[in-house]
Amino acid sequence: MSRVLRVCRLALILLPLGLSPAFAQSTDQTSSADNNWASGCTASTRSGPLDCSAAQQVIDANTGRLRALLRVRVPGDTKSPVMLVQMPLGLYLPGQLTLSVDGAAATTVAFQTCDASGCYAGMEVTPTLLSTMLKGQTLTLQAQDQARESISVPIALAGFAKAYSQIQ
């Protein structure tokens, strides 16, 4: 099994355990506030390597439902950043998730699994993507619903650089 799949599977297991009230503060409005990104570290044992992440959750202001959760993790064992995206159920799964920063070239990622909380896609974060996110304004997630209508979720990157610097 590839390192990416192992890391992403671990992320899927840990994702429900790692959400804190700080992640619920984001709304559907794109904001320049630095508090949209939450960061933190955990370890499986006191002497184990730290597994750190920075995340932002986008909640629909009208319904209170999750639109997207984006988490960038830096596992203690590899120190190579990975990204996990959670989207709500009801997606067209043969369609893929696309990510673009400030309208630049998009990265396409396949959805890996779904559970009662949503659908998940994971990938290694390349140095180019990381650099673009650190300098960018908005990361846009795009997918299709079951009717194959486009769903677009903008995620403000203001505060990402600060949050990421805390988890390196």
N, C-alpha and C. Protein backbone atom coordinates (compact mmCIF):
# COMPACT_ATOMS: atom_id res chain seq x y z
N MET A 1 0.85 -1.17 0.00
CA MET A 1 0.00 0.00 0.00
C MET A 1 0.90 1.24 0.00
N SER A 2 0.56 2.21 -0.79
CA SER A 2 1.39 3.41 -0.90
C SER A 2 1.33 4.24 0.38
N ARG A 3 2.37 5.05 0.57
CA ARG A 3 2.44 5.91 1.74
C ARG A 3 1.28 6.89 1.77
N VAL A 4 0.88 7.40 0.61
CA VAL A 4 -0.24 8.35 0.54
C VAL A 4 -1.51 7.70 1.04
N LEU A 5 -1.78 6.48 0.57
CA LEU A 5 -3.01 5.81 1.01
C LEU A 5 -2.98 5.51 2.50
N ARG A 6 -1.82 5.10 3.02
CA ARG A 6 -1.73 4.84 4.46
C ARG A 6 -1.98 6.12 5.25
N VAL A 7 -1.37 7.21 4.83
CA VAL A 7 -1.53 8.49 5.52
C VAL A 7 -2.98 8.94 5.44
N CYS A 8 -3.58 8.82 4.25
CA CYS A 8 -4.97 9.26 4.09
C CYS A 8 -5.92 8.38 4.89
N ARG A 9 -5.68 7.08 4.94
CA ARG A 9 -6.53 6.21 5.75
C ARG A 9 -6.43 6.57 7.22
N LEU A 10 -5.21 6.84 7.68
CA LEU A 10 -5.03 7.28 9.06
C LEU A 10 -5.76 8.59 9.30
N ALA A 11 -5.70 9.48 8.33
CA ALA A 11 -6.40 10.76 8.46
C ALA A 11 -7.90 10.54 8.56
N LEU A 12 -8.42 9.60 7.78
CA LEU A 12 -9.86 9.33 7.83
C LEU A 12 -10.27 8.78 9.18
N ILE A 13 -9.41 7.97 9.78
CA ILE A 13 -9.72 7.42 11.10
C ILE A 13 -9.67 8.52 12.15
N LEU A 14 -8.67 9.39 12.06
CA LEU A 14 -8.48 10.43 13.08
C LEU A 14 -9.35 11.65 12.88
N LEU A 15 -9.88 11.85 11.67
CA LEU A 15 -10.63 13.07 11.37
C LEU A 15 -11.78 13.30 12.34
N PRO A 16 -12.68 12.33 12.58
CA PRO A 16 -13.77 12.61 13.51
C PRO A 16 -13.30 12.89 14.92
N LEU A 17 -12.15 12.36 15.29
CA LEU A 17 -11.65 12.56 16.65
C LEU A 17 -11.01 13.92 16.85
N GLY A 18 -10.54 14.54 15.78
CA GLY A 18 -9.76 15.75 15.90
C GLY A 18 -10.53 17.04 15.78
N LEU A 19 -11.82 17.00 15.53
CA LEU A 19 -12.56 18.25 15.37
C LEU A 19 -12.75 18.91 16.72
N SER A 20 -12.51 20.19 16.76
CA SER A 20 -12.70 20.95 17.99
C SER A 20 -13.67 22.09 17.72
N PRO A 21 -14.21 22.73 18.75
CA PRO A 21 -15.11 23.85 18.53
C PRO A 21 -14.52 24.95 17.66
N ALA A 22 -13.19 25.09 17.64
CA ALA A 22 -12.57 26.13 16.81
C ALA A 22 -12.87 25.92 15.34
N PHE A 23 -13.01 24.67 14.90
CA PHE A 23 -13.29 24.41 13.50
C PHE A 23 -14.70 24.85 13.14
N ALA A 24 -15.60 24.90 14.07
CA ALA A 24 -16.99 25.24 13.79
C ALA A 24 -17.21 26.75 13.68
N GLN A 25 -16.19 27.55 13.87
CA GLN A 25 -16.36 28.99 13.84
C GLN A 25 -16.46 29.57 12.44
N SER A 26 -15.97 28.86 11.43
CA SER A 26 -16.00 29.39 10.08
C SER A 26 -17.42 29.36 9.53
N THR A 27 -17.71 30.31 8.67
CA THR A 27 -19.01 30.35 8.02
C THR A 27 -18.82 30.29 6.52
N ASP A 28 -19.90 30.37 5.80
CA ASP A 28 -19.86 30.31 4.35
C ASP A 28 -19.31 31.60 3.75
N GLN A 29 -19.07 32.59 4.53
CA GLN A 29 -18.57 33.86 4.03
C GLN A 29 -17.05 33.82 3.94
N THR A 30 -16.50 34.25 2.82
CA THR A 30 -15.05 34.34 2.70
C THR A 30 -14.60 35.54 3.53
N SER A 31 -13.62 35.31 4.38
CA SER A 31 -13.20 36.33 5.33
C SER A 31 -11.68 36.47 5.31
N SER A 32 -11.20 37.63 5.66
CA SER A 32 -9.76 37.83 5.73
C SER A 32 -9.24 37.67 7.15
N ALA A 33 -10.10 37.28 8.08
CA ALA A 33 -9.68 37.13 9.47
C ALA A 33 -8.71 35.95 9.60
N ASP A 34 -7.70 36.08 10.45
CA ASP A 34 -6.72 35.03 10.64
C ASP A 34 -7.28 33.86 11.45
N ASN A 35 -8.42 34.01 12.11
CA ASN A 35 -8.92 32.95 12.97
C ASN A 35 -9.74 31.90 12.23
N ASN A 36 -9.78 31.95 10.90
CA ASN A 36 -10.51 30.93 10.15
C ASN A 36 -9.78 29.60 10.16
N TRP A 37 -8.51 29.59 10.42
CA TRP A 37 -7.71 28.37 10.43
C TRP A 37 -7.38 28.00 11.87
N ALA A 38 -7.63 26.76 12.21
CA ALA A 38 -7.27 26.23 13.52
C ALA A 38 -6.11 25.27 13.32
N SER A 39 -5.20 25.24 14.27
CA SER A 39 -4.07 24.32 14.17
C SER A 39 -3.84 23.66 15.51
N GLY A 40 -3.23 22.50 15.46
CA GLY A 40 -2.93 21.78 16.69
C GLY A 40 -2.17 20.50 16.39
N CYS A 41 -1.67 19.88 17.45
CA CYS A 41 -0.90 18.65 17.34
C CYS A 41 -1.40 17.63 18.35
N THR A 42 -1.30 16.36 17.98
CA THR A 42 -1.64 15.26 18.88
C THR A 42 -0.57 14.18 18.72
N ALA A 43 -0.52 13.29 19.68
CA ALA A 43 0.37 12.13 19.62
C ALA A 43 -0.39 10.93 20.16
N SER A 44 -0.11 9.77 19.63
CA SER A 44 -0.80 8.57 20.10
C SER A 44 -0.30 8.13 21.47
N THR A 45 0.93 8.49 21.80
CA THR A 45 1.49 8.23 23.13
C THR A 45 2.28 9.47 23.56
N ARG A 46 2.61 9.54 24.81
CA ARG A 46 3.37 10.70 25.32
C ARG A 46 4.73 10.83 24.64
N SER A 47 5.33 9.71 24.29
CA SER A 47 6.65 9.77 23.67
C SER A 47 6.59 9.61 22.15
N GLY A 48 5.39 9.51 21.59
CA GLY A 48 5.25 9.32 20.16
C GLY A 48 5.45 10.60 19.38
N PRO A 49 5.64 10.46 18.06
CA PRO A 49 5.82 11.65 17.22
C PRO A 49 4.52 12.45 17.14
N LEU A 50 4.66 13.76 17.03
CA LEU A 50 3.50 14.63 16.93
C LEU A 50 2.89 14.54 15.53
N ASP A 51 1.59 14.51 15.47
CA ASP A 51 0.83 14.55 14.22
C ASP A 51 0.10 15.88 14.25
N CYS A 52 0.51 16.83 13.41
CA CYS A 52 -0.01 18.19 13.48
C CYS A 52 -0.87 18.50 12.26
N SER A 53 -1.85 19.38 12.45
CA SER A 53 -2.71 19.76 11.32
C SER A 53 -3.22 21.18 11.47
N ALA A 54 -3.54 21.75 10.31
CA ALA A 54 -4.20 23.05 10.22
C ALA A 54 -5.47 22.80 9.42
N ALA A 55 -6.58 23.34 9.88
CA ALA A 55 -7.84 23.03 9.21
C ALA A 55 -8.78 24.22 9.22
N GLN A 56 -9.66 24.20 8.25
CA GLN A 56 -10.74 25.17 8.18
C GLN A 56 -12.00 24.44 7.75
N GLN A 57 -13.08 24.74 8.42
CA GLN A 57 -14.37 24.13 8.12
C GLN A 57 -15.30 25.22 7.60
N VAL A 58 -16.00 24.94 6.50
CA VAL A 58 -16.93 25.90 5.93
C VAL A 58 -18.34 25.38 6.19
N ILE A 59 -19.13 26.17 6.89
CA ILE A 59 -20.50 25.82 7.26
C ILE A 59 -21.46 26.72 6.50
N ASP A 60 -22.52 26.16 5.96
CA ASP A 60 -23.55 26.94 5.29
C ASP A 60 -24.29 27.76 6.35
N ALA A 61 -24.25 29.07 6.23
CA ALA A 61 -24.85 29.96 7.22
C ALA A 61 -26.36 29.78 7.32
N ASN A 62 -27.02 29.36 6.24
CA ASN A 62 -28.48 29.20 6.25
C ASN A 62 -28.93 27.89 6.87
N THR A 63 -28.19 26.81 6.62
CA THR A 63 -28.64 25.50 7.08
C THR A 63 -27.83 24.96 8.25
N GLY A 64 -26.65 25.51 8.48
CA GLY A 64 -25.79 25.00 9.53
C GLY A 64 -25.08 23.71 9.14
N ARG A 65 -25.19 23.33 7.87
CA ARG A 65 -24.57 22.09 7.40
C ARG A 65 -23.16 22.34 6.88
N LEU A 66 -22.35 21.29 6.97
CA LEU A 66 -21.00 21.34 6.46
C LEU A 66 -21.00 21.46 4.95
N ARG A 67 -20.23 22.41 4.44
CA ARG A 67 -20.01 22.51 2.99
C ARG A 67 -18.68 21.89 2.63
N ALA A 68 -17.69 22.07 3.49
CA ALA A 68 -16.37 21.46 3.26
C ALA A 68 -15.51 21.59 4.51
N LEU A 69 -14.62 20.65 4.66
CA LEU A 69 -13.58 20.71 5.68
C LEU A 69 -12.28 20.42 4.96
N LEU A 70 -11.32 21.30 5.12
CA LEU A 70 -10.01 21.13 4.51
C LEU A 70 -9.00 21.04 5.64
N ARG A 71 -8.22 19.96 5.64
CA ARG A 71 -7.23 19.76 6.69
C ARG A 71 -5.89 19.45 6.02
N VAL A 72 -4.86 20.19 6.40
CA VAL A 72 -3.50 19.91 5.96
C VAL A 72 -2.77 19.35 7.18
N ARG A 73 -2.28 18.13 7.04
CA ARG A 73 -1.60 17.44 8.14
C ARG A 73 -0.12 17.31 7.85
N VAL A 74 0.66 17.37 8.90
CA VAL A 74 2.09 17.08 8.82
C VAL A 74 2.34 15.93 9.80
N PRO A 75 2.29 14.69 9.30
CA PRO A 75 2.50 13.54 10.19
C PRO A 75 3.90 13.57 10.78
N GLY A 76 3.99 13.17 12.03
CA GLY A 76 5.27 13.20 12.73
C GLY A 76 6.30 12.25 12.15
N ASP A 77 5.85 11.16 11.55
CA ASP A 77 6.82 10.19 11.04
C ASP A 77 7.41 10.57 9.69
N THR A 78 6.63 11.22 8.82
CA THR A 78 7.13 11.54 7.47
C THR A 78 7.50 13.01 7.30
N LYS A 79 6.86 13.88 8.06
CA LYS A 79 7.06 15.34 7.94
C LYS A 79 6.68 15.88 6.56
N SER A 80 5.99 15.06 5.76
CA SER A 80 5.53 15.48 4.42
C SER A 80 4.04 15.81 4.51
N PRO A 81 3.65 17.04 4.16
CA PRO A 81 2.25 17.43 4.31
C PRO A 81 1.31 16.64 3.39
N VAL A 82 0.16 16.33 3.93
CA VAL A 82 -0.92 15.69 3.17
C VAL A 82 -2.19 16.50 3.41
N MET A 83 -3.11 16.40 2.47
CA MET A 83 -4.36 17.14 2.58
C MET A 83 -5.52 16.16 2.58
N LEU A 84 -6.49 16.44 3.42
CA LEU A 84 -7.72 15.68 3.45
C LEU A 84 -8.87 16.66 3.29
N VAL A 85 -9.77 16.38 2.36
CA VAL A 85 -10.94 17.23 2.13
C VAL A 85 -12.18 16.39 2.41
N GLN A 86 -13.07 16.93 3.21
CA GLN A 86 -14.36 16.30 3.47
C GLN A 86 -15.44 17.16 2.85
N MET A 87 -16.29 16.53 2.06
CA MET A 87 -17.43 17.21 1.43
C MET A 87 -18.69 16.48 1.88
N PRO A 88 -19.85 17.12 1.78
CA PRO A 88 -21.08 16.46 2.22
C PRO A 88 -21.48 15.31 1.29
N LEU A 89 -22.37 14.48 1.77
CA LEU A 89 -22.92 13.39 0.96
C LEU A 89 -23.72 13.97 -0.20
N GLY A 90 -24.05 13.13 -1.17
CA GLY A 90 -24.85 13.56 -2.30
C GLY A 90 -24.02 13.98 -3.49
N LEU A 91 -22.76 13.55 -3.53
CA LEU A 91 -21.88 13.91 -4.63
C LEU A 91 -21.93 12.85 -5.73
N TYR A 92 -21.61 13.27 -6.93
CA TYR A 92 -21.45 12.36 -8.05
C TYR A 92 -20.03 11.82 -7.94
N LEU A 93 -19.89 10.58 -7.48
CA LEU A 93 -18.57 10.06 -7.14
C LEU A 93 -17.66 9.73 -8.33
N PRO A 94 -18.18 9.37 -9.50
CA PRO A 94 -17.24 9.24 -10.62
C PRO A 94 -16.60 10.58 -10.98
N GLY A 95 -17.29 11.67 -10.67
CA GLY A 95 -16.69 12.99 -10.83
C GLY A 95 -15.62 13.14 -9.77
N GLN A 96 -14.70 14.03 -9.97
CA GLN A 96 -13.62 14.18 -9.02
C GLN A 96 -13.66 15.55 -8.36
N LEU A 97 -12.85 15.70 -7.35
CA LEU A 97 -12.70 16.96 -6.66
C LEU A 97 -11.57 17.74 -7.33
N THR A 98 -11.81 19.01 -7.63
CA THR A 98 -10.75 19.85 -8.16
C THR A 98 -10.46 20.96 -7.16
N LEU A 99 -9.19 21.30 -7.05
CA LEU A 99 -8.73 22.37 -6.16
C LEU A 99 -7.97 23.37 -7.00
N SER A 100 -8.29 24.64 -6.82
CA SER A 100 -7.51 25.67 -7.49
C SER A 100 -7.32 26.84 -6.53
N VAL A 101 -6.17 27.47 -6.63
CA VAL A 101 -5.85 28.62 -5.78
C VAL A 101 -5.88 29.86 -6.66
N ASP A 102 -6.73 30.80 -6.29
CA ASP A 102 -6.87 32.07 -6.99
C ASP A 102 -7.08 31.89 -8.50
N GLY A 103 -7.83 30.85 -8.87
CA GLY A 103 -8.17 30.61 -10.27
C GLY A 103 -7.04 30.03 -11.11
N ALA A 104 -5.91 29.70 -10.49
CA ALA A 104 -4.78 29.12 -11.23
C ALA A 104 -5.09 27.68 -11.62
N ALA A 105 -4.15 27.02 -12.25
CA ALA A 105 -4.34 25.65 -12.70
C ALA A 105 -4.85 24.77 -11.57
N ALA A 106 -5.79 23.90 -11.91
CA ALA A 106 -6.45 23.07 -10.92
C ALA A 106 -5.73 21.73 -10.74
N THR A 107 -5.83 21.21 -9.53
CA THR A 107 -5.37 19.87 -9.19
C THR A 107 -6.61 19.00 -9.03
N THR A 108 -6.60 17.82 -9.62
CA THR A 108 -7.76 16.94 -9.55
C THR A 108 -7.44 15.75 -8.65
N VAL A 109 -8.39 15.41 -7.79
CA VAL A 109 -8.22 14.32 -6.82
C VAL A 109 -9.49 13.47 -6.83
N ALA A 110 -9.32 12.16 -6.81
CA ALA A 110 -10.47 11.25 -6.75
C ALA A 110 -10.99 11.16 -5.32
N PHE A 111 -12.30 11.01 -5.18
CA PHE A 111 -12.86 10.73 -3.86
C PHE A 111 -12.49 9.30 -3.50
N GLN A 112 -12.09 9.09 -2.24
CA GLN A 112 -11.63 7.78 -1.82
C GLN A 112 -12.68 6.97 -1.11
N THR A 113 -13.51 7.64 -0.31
CA THR A 113 -14.52 6.91 0.45
C THR A 113 -15.58 7.87 0.94
N CYS A 114 -16.70 7.33 1.37
CA CYS A 114 -17.76 8.12 2.01
C CYS A 114 -18.21 7.36 3.25
N ASP A 115 -18.69 8.09 4.24
CA ASP A 115 -19.33 7.50 5.40
C ASP A 115 -20.50 8.39 5.78
N ALA A 116 -21.09 8.18 6.92
CA ALA A 116 -22.27 8.95 7.32
C ALA A 116 -21.98 10.44 7.47
N SER A 117 -20.71 10.82 7.62
CA SER A 117 -20.35 12.23 7.80
C SER A 117 -20.03 12.95 6.50
N GLY A 118 -19.78 12.21 5.41
CA GLY A 118 -19.47 12.86 4.15
C GLY A 118 -18.57 12.01 3.27
N CYS A 119 -18.04 12.65 2.23
CA CYS A 119 -17.14 12.00 1.28
C CYS A 119 -15.76 12.64 1.41
N TYR A 120 -14.73 11.81 1.21
CA TYR A 120 -13.36 12.23 1.50
C TYR A 120 -12.44 12.04 0.31
N ALA A 121 -11.55 12.99 0.13
CA ALA A 121 -10.48 12.91 -0.86
C ALA A 121 -9.19 13.32 -0.16
N GLY A 122 -8.11 12.61 -0.47
CA GLY A 122 -6.83 12.92 0.15
C GLY A 122 -5.71 12.89 -0.85
N MET A 123 -4.66 13.63 -0.55
CA MET A 123 -3.52 13.71 -1.46
C MET A 123 -2.30 14.23 -0.73
N GLU A 124 -1.13 13.95 -1.29
CA GLU A 124 0.08 14.59 -0.80
C GLU A 124 0.05 16.03 -1.26
N VAL A 125 0.58 16.91 -0.45
CA VAL A 125 0.66 18.33 -0.81
C VAL A 125 2.04 18.55 -1.42
N THR A 126 2.06 18.84 -2.70
CA THR A 126 3.33 19.08 -3.38
C THR A 126 3.91 20.42 -2.91
N PRO A 127 5.22 20.58 -3.03
CA PRO A 127 5.82 21.87 -2.68
C PRO A 127 5.21 23.03 -3.47
N THR A 128 4.86 22.78 -4.74
CA THR A 128 4.25 23.84 -5.56
C THR A 128 2.89 24.22 -5.02
N LEU A 129 2.05 23.23 -4.70
CA LEU A 129 0.72 23.53 -4.16
C LEU A 129 0.85 24.23 -2.82
N LEU A 130 1.74 23.76 -1.97
CA LEU A 130 1.92 24.39 -0.66
C LEU A 130 2.34 25.85 -0.81
N SER A 131 3.31 26.11 -1.67
CA SER A 131 3.76 27.48 -1.90
C SER A 131 2.63 28.36 -2.40
N THR A 132 1.82 27.83 -3.31
CA THR A 132 0.68 28.58 -3.85
C THR A 132 -0.34 28.88 -2.76
N MET A 133 -0.61 27.89 -1.90
CA MET A 133 -1.56 28.11 -0.80
C MET A 133 -1.04 29.12 0.20
N LEU A 134 0.25 29.07 0.50
CA LEU A 134 0.83 30.01 1.47
C LEU A 134 0.75 31.45 0.99
N LYS A 135 0.81 31.66 -0.33
CA LYS A 135 0.77 33.01 -0.91
C LYS A 135 -0.61 33.41 -1.39
N GLY A 136 -1.52 32.44 -1.53
CA GLY A 136 -2.81 32.70 -2.16
C GLY A 136 -3.85 33.36 -1.27
N GLN A 137 -4.94 33.75 -1.91
CA GLN A 137 -6.07 34.38 -1.23
C GLN A 137 -7.21 33.38 -0.97
N THR A 138 -7.55 32.58 -2.00
CA THR A 138 -8.69 31.69 -1.91
C THR A 138 -8.40 30.36 -2.59
N LEU A 139 -8.67 29.28 -1.91
CA LEU A 139 -8.62 27.95 -2.50
C LEU A 139 -10.06 27.57 -2.80
N THR A 140 -10.34 27.17 -4.02
CA THR A 140 -11.70 26.80 -4.40
C THR A 140 -11.78 25.30 -4.62
N LEU A 141 -12.72 24.67 -3.94
CA LEU A 141 -13.01 23.25 -4.12
C LEU A 141 -14.19 23.14 -5.06
N GLN A 142 -14.10 22.24 -6.04
CA GLN A 142 -15.22 22.03 -6.95
C GLN A 142 -15.49 20.56 -7.09
N ALA A 143 -16.77 20.21 -7.05
CA ALA A 143 -17.23 18.83 -7.24
C ALA A 143 -18.58 18.91 -7.95
N GLN A 144 -19.19 17.76 -8.17
CA GLN A 144 -20.52 17.72 -8.78
C GLN A 144 -21.47 17.01 -7.84
N ASP A 145 -22.73 17.50 -7.82
CA ASP A 145 -23.73 16.79 -7.04
C ASP A 145 -24.28 15.64 -7.89
N GLN A 146 -25.24 14.89 -7.36
CA GLN A 146 -25.76 13.73 -8.08
C GLN A 146 -26.42 14.09 -9.40
N ALA A 147 -26.90 15.31 -9.53
CA ALA A 147 -27.49 15.77 -10.79
C ALA A 147 -26.41 16.31 -11.73
N ARG A 148 -25.16 16.15 -11.34
CA ARG A 148 -23.99 16.60 -12.08
C ARG A 148 -23.91 18.12 -12.24
N GLU A 149 -24.52 18.81 -11.28
CA GLU A 149 -24.41 20.27 -11.19
C GLU A 149 -23.15 20.59 -10.39
N SER A 150 -22.46 21.63 -10.79
CA SER A 150 -21.22 22.00 -10.15
C SER A 150 -21.47 22.58 -8.76
N ILE A 151 -20.66 22.15 -7.81
CA ILE A 151 -20.65 22.69 -6.45
C ILE A 151 -19.29 23.35 -6.27
N SER A 152 -19.28 24.59 -5.86
CA SER A 152 -18.04 25.32 -5.68
C SER A 152 -18.00 25.87 -4.25
N VAL A 153 -16.93 25.58 -3.55
CA VAL A 153 -16.77 26.04 -2.17
C VAL A 153 -15.45 26.80 -2.05
N PRO A 154 -15.53 28.13 -1.89
CA PRO A 154 -14.30 28.90 -1.68
C PRO A 154 -13.85 28.81 -0.22
N ILE A 155 -12.56 28.67 -0.03
CA ILE A 155 -11.99 28.62 1.32
C ILE A 155 -10.92 29.71 1.40
N ALA A 156 -11.12 30.64 2.31
CA ALA A 156 -10.17 31.74 2.48
C ALA A 156 -8.84 31.20 2.98
N LEU A 157 -7.77 31.64 2.37
CA LEU A 157 -6.43 31.21 2.78
C LEU A 157 -5.77 32.21 3.73
N ALA A 158 -6.45 33.30 4.04
CA ALA A 158 -5.93 34.25 5.03
C ALA A 158 -5.78 33.50 6.35
N GLY A 159 -4.63 33.54 6.91
CA GLY A 159 -4.37 32.84 8.16
C GLY A 159 -3.77 31.47 7.97
N PHE A 160 -3.80 30.93 6.74
CA PHE A 160 -3.24 29.61 6.51
C PHE A 160 -1.73 29.59 6.75
N ALA A 161 -1.03 30.59 6.26
CA ALA A 161 0.43 30.65 6.43
C ALA A 161 0.81 30.64 7.91
N LYS A 162 0.09 31.38 8.71
CA LYS A 162 0.36 31.42 10.15
C LYS A 162 0.07 30.07 10.78
N ALA A 163 -1.08 29.47 10.45
CA ALA A 163 -1.44 28.17 11.00
C ALA A 163 -0.44 27.10 10.57
N TYR A 164 -0.03 27.13 9.31
CA TYR A 164 0.91 26.13 8.81
C TYR A 164 2.28 26.29 9.49
N SER A 165 2.69 27.51 9.72
CA SER A 165 4.00 27.72 10.38
C SER A 165 4.00 27.14 11.79
N GLN A 166 2.84 27.02 12.40
CA GLN A 166 2.74 26.49 13.75
C GLN A 166 2.78 24.97 13.79
N ILE A 167 2.59 24.30 12.64
CA ILE A 167 2.53 22.84 12.64
C ILE A 167 3.72 22.18 11.93
N GLN A 168 4.60 22.96 11.36
CA GLN A 168 5.75 22.39 10.64
C GLN A 168 6.66 21.62 11.55
